[in-house]
Amino acid sequence: MKTARFLLAAMTALTVSLTAAAQNTTPALTAYYGVKDALVATNGAKAKTGASTLVAALGKVDAAKLAASEKKALATAKSKAAAISKTDDVDTQRAAFEGLSTSMIALAKATKPAKTFVQFCPMAAEGKGASWLSDKREVRNPYYGDKMLKCGSVKEEI
């Protein structure tokens, strides 16, 4: 009986912790989608503005509820979003977006705030390939915009 109570308490604590973390990252993920959509549209000004919103949303994530690796991902995401927010140059923004996406994928996997799709373009990052998150299954490539709008595939659902 004590074991069952302990397991129930542990599961409840874990659920509360994950729920709290998810609630903290949902606004950041929504802002990230705005940056991604701006890059899909090859709109540097909108990506810059969206990245500023993302920096603010990431600043509200409670890092105390994250594991060490997710704290590092959060710091990297803030840094890459800040870099995007400082320029209108889409090529520079897309280069920073690769690191931002890697970090946001790690945060999404850790907190599972909402259904999101990990998508991958094998042509991005000078042929090394790069991933990003999308709230839609349909592929819209932020690394190439209308040049290769549908290049990529869904690799995972979080």
Protein backbone atom coordinates (compact mmCIF):
# COMPACT_ATOMS: atom_id res chain seq x y z
CA MET A 1 0.00 0.00 0.00
CA LYS A 2 2.85 2.41 0.84
CA THR A 3 4.48 1.62 -2.50
CA ALA A 4 1.27 2.42 -4.36
CA ARG A 5 0.91 5.75 -2.53
CA PHE A 6 4.53 6.60 -3.22
CA LEU A 7 4.16 5.80 -6.93
CA LEU A 8 0.97 7.83 -7.14
CA ALA A 9 2.66 10.79 -5.44
CA ALA A 10 5.70 10.52 -7.72
CA MET A 11 3.53 10.35 -10.84
CA THR A 12 1.48 13.34 -9.68
CA ALA A 13 4.64 15.38 -9.00
CA LEU A 14 6.04 14.49 -12.43
CA THR A 15 2.77 15.40 -14.15
CA VAL A 16 2.60 18.76 -12.34
CA SER A 17 6.22 19.48 -13.23
CA LEU A 18 5.76 18.64 -16.90
CA THR A 19 2.51 20.59 -17.08
CA ALA A 20 4.13 23.66 -15.54
CA ALA A 21 7.06 23.45 -17.94
CA ALA A 22 4.71 23.02 -20.90
CA GLN A 23 2.69 26.05 -19.89
CA ASN A 24 5.90 28.07 -19.77
CA THR A 25 7.11 27.02 -23.23
CA THR A 26 3.85 27.28 -25.16
CA PRO A 27 4.16 31.06 -25.76
CA ALA A 28 7.77 30.58 -26.84
CA LEU A 29 6.78 27.85 -29.27
CA THR A 30 4.01 30.05 -30.68
CA ALA A 31 6.52 32.89 -31.18
CA TYR A 32 8.97 30.45 -32.79
CA TYR A 33 6.29 29.47 -35.32
CA GLY A 34 5.95 33.16 -36.19
CA VAL A 35 9.68 33.39 -36.94
CA LYS A 36 9.51 30.17 -38.97
CA ASP A 37 6.53 31.42 -40.98
CA ALA A 38 8.29 34.73 -41.67
CA LEU A 39 11.32 32.85 -43.00
CA VAL A 40 9.06 30.65 -45.13
CA ALA A 41 7.72 33.91 -46.62
CA THR A 42 11.30 35.27 -46.94
CA ASN A 43 10.25 38.30 -44.88
CA GLY A 44 13.30 39.49 -42.94
CA ALA A 45 11.50 42.37 -41.23
CA LYS A 46 8.75 40.11 -39.92
CA ALA A 47 11.30 37.48 -38.80
CA LYS A 48 13.19 40.21 -36.94
CA THR A 49 10.05 41.36 -35.11
CA GLY A 50 8.97 37.78 -34.41
CA ALA A 51 12.40 36.95 -33.01
CA SER A 52 12.12 39.86 -30.57
CA THR A 53 8.80 38.41 -29.39
CA LEU A 54 10.47 35.00 -29.09
CA VAL A 55 13.33 36.41 -26.98
CA ALA A 56 10.76 37.88 -24.58
CA ALA A 57 8.78 34.62 -24.43
CA LEU A 58 11.93 32.57 -23.80
CA GLY A 59 12.81 34.97 -20.99
CA LYS A 60 9.61 33.92 -19.22
CA VAL A 61 10.40 30.19 -19.31
CA ASP A 62 11.12 28.97 -15.79
CA ALA A 63 14.57 27.46 -16.22
CA ALA A 64 14.42 26.05 -12.68
CA LYS A 65 11.95 23.45 -13.96
CA LEU A 66 14.30 22.29 -16.70
CA ALA A 67 17.07 19.70 -16.63
CA ALA A 68 20.64 20.88 -17.25
CA SER A 69 20.58 19.96 -20.96
CA GLU A 70 17.31 21.84 -21.47
CA LYS A 71 18.73 24.87 -19.66
CA LYS A 72 21.57 24.87 -22.20
CA ALA A 73 19.03 24.57 -25.03
CA LEU A 74 17.08 27.49 -23.56
CA ALA A 75 20.21 29.66 -23.41
CA THR A 76 21.11 28.77 -26.99
CA ALA A 77 17.57 29.48 -28.16
CA LYS A 78 17.69 32.92 -26.52
CA SER A 79 21.05 33.66 -28.15
CA LYS A 80 19.97 32.55 -31.65
CA ALA A 81 16.61 34.37 -31.39
CA ALA A 82 18.48 37.52 -30.31
CA ALA A 83 20.77 37.19 -33.34
CA ILE A 84 17.75 36.94 -35.66
CA SER A 85 16.18 39.98 -33.97
CA LYS A 86 19.20 42.13 -34.81
CA THR A 87 19.09 41.86 -38.60
CA ASP A 88 16.73 42.07 -41.56
CA ASP A 89 19.06 39.91 -43.70
CA VAL A 90 17.17 36.68 -44.38
CA ASP A 91 20.32 34.64 -45.13
CA THR A 92 21.81 35.61 -41.76
CA GLN A 93 18.50 34.90 -40.05
CA ARG A 94 18.25 31.48 -41.67
CA ALA A 95 21.77 30.59 -40.52
CA ALA A 96 20.83 31.45 -36.91
CA PHE A 97 17.48 29.68 -37.32
CA GLU A 98 19.25 26.33 -37.65
CA GLY A 99 20.68 26.60 -34.11
CA LEU A 100 17.44 28.09 -32.81
CA SER A 101 15.49 25.15 -34.21
CA THR A 102 17.83 22.55 -32.70
CA SER A 103 17.35 24.18 -29.30
CA MET A 104 13.59 24.57 -29.66
CA ILE A 105 13.27 20.91 -30.67
CA ALA A 106 15.09 19.92 -27.46
CA LEU A 107 12.79 22.16 -25.40
CA ALA A 108 9.67 20.83 -27.12
CA LYS A 109 10.74 17.23 -26.52
CA ALA A 110 11.39 17.99 -22.85
CA THR A 111 8.18 19.89 -22.15
CA LYS A 112 5.71 18.60 -24.78
CA PRO A 113 3.62 21.79 -24.74
CA ALA A 114 1.39 20.89 -27.72
CA LYS A 115 1.41 18.68 -30.79
CA THR A 116 4.28 19.78 -32.99
CA PHE A 117 6.09 18.25 -35.92
CA VAL A 118 9.84 17.96 -36.42
CA GLN A 119 10.51 18.52 -40.10
CA PHE A 120 13.77 18.08 -41.99
CA CYS A 121 15.26 19.38 -45.22
CA PRO A 122 18.25 17.40 -46.49
CA MET A 123 19.40 20.33 -48.65
CA ALA A 124 19.64 22.93 -45.86
CA ALA A 125 22.85 23.86 -44.04
CA GLU A 126 24.98 23.47 -47.15
CA GLY A 127 23.75 19.93 -47.79
CA LYS A 128 24.16 18.70 -44.21
CA GLY A 129 20.43 18.99 -43.62
CA ALA A 130 18.56 20.89 -40.94
CA SER A 131 15.39 20.43 -38.90
CA TRP A 132 12.70 22.78 -37.65
CA LEU A 133 9.40 22.63 -35.79
CA SER A 134 5.99 23.20 -37.30
CA ASP A 135 2.51 23.27 -35.86
CA LYS A 136 1.25 21.78 -39.14
CA ARG A 137 2.13 18.46 -40.76
CA GLU A 138 2.36 20.16 -44.17
CA VAL A 139 5.99 21.00 -44.99
CA ARG A 140 6.83 24.66 -45.60
CA ASN A 141 10.60 25.10 -45.71
CA PRO A 142 11.96 28.09 -43.75
CA TYR A 143 15.50 27.56 -45.04
CA TYR A 144 14.63 28.15 -48.70
CA GLY A 145 11.21 29.80 -48.70
CA ASP A 146 9.53 29.83 -52.11
CA LYS A 147 12.71 28.55 -53.82
CA MET A 148 12.11 25.08 -52.35
CA LEU A 149 8.91 25.57 -50.39
CA LYS A 150 7.96 21.91 -50.03
CA CYS A 151 11.46 20.44 -49.73
CA GLY A 152 11.54 18.30 -46.63
CA SER A 153 9.60 15.73 -44.69
CA VAL A 154 8.08 15.15 -41.28
CA LYS A 155 10.57 13.18 -39.19
CA GLU A 156 8.78 13.08 -35.86
CA GLU A 157 5.65 14.14 -34.02
CA ILE A 158 6.09 15.47 -30.51
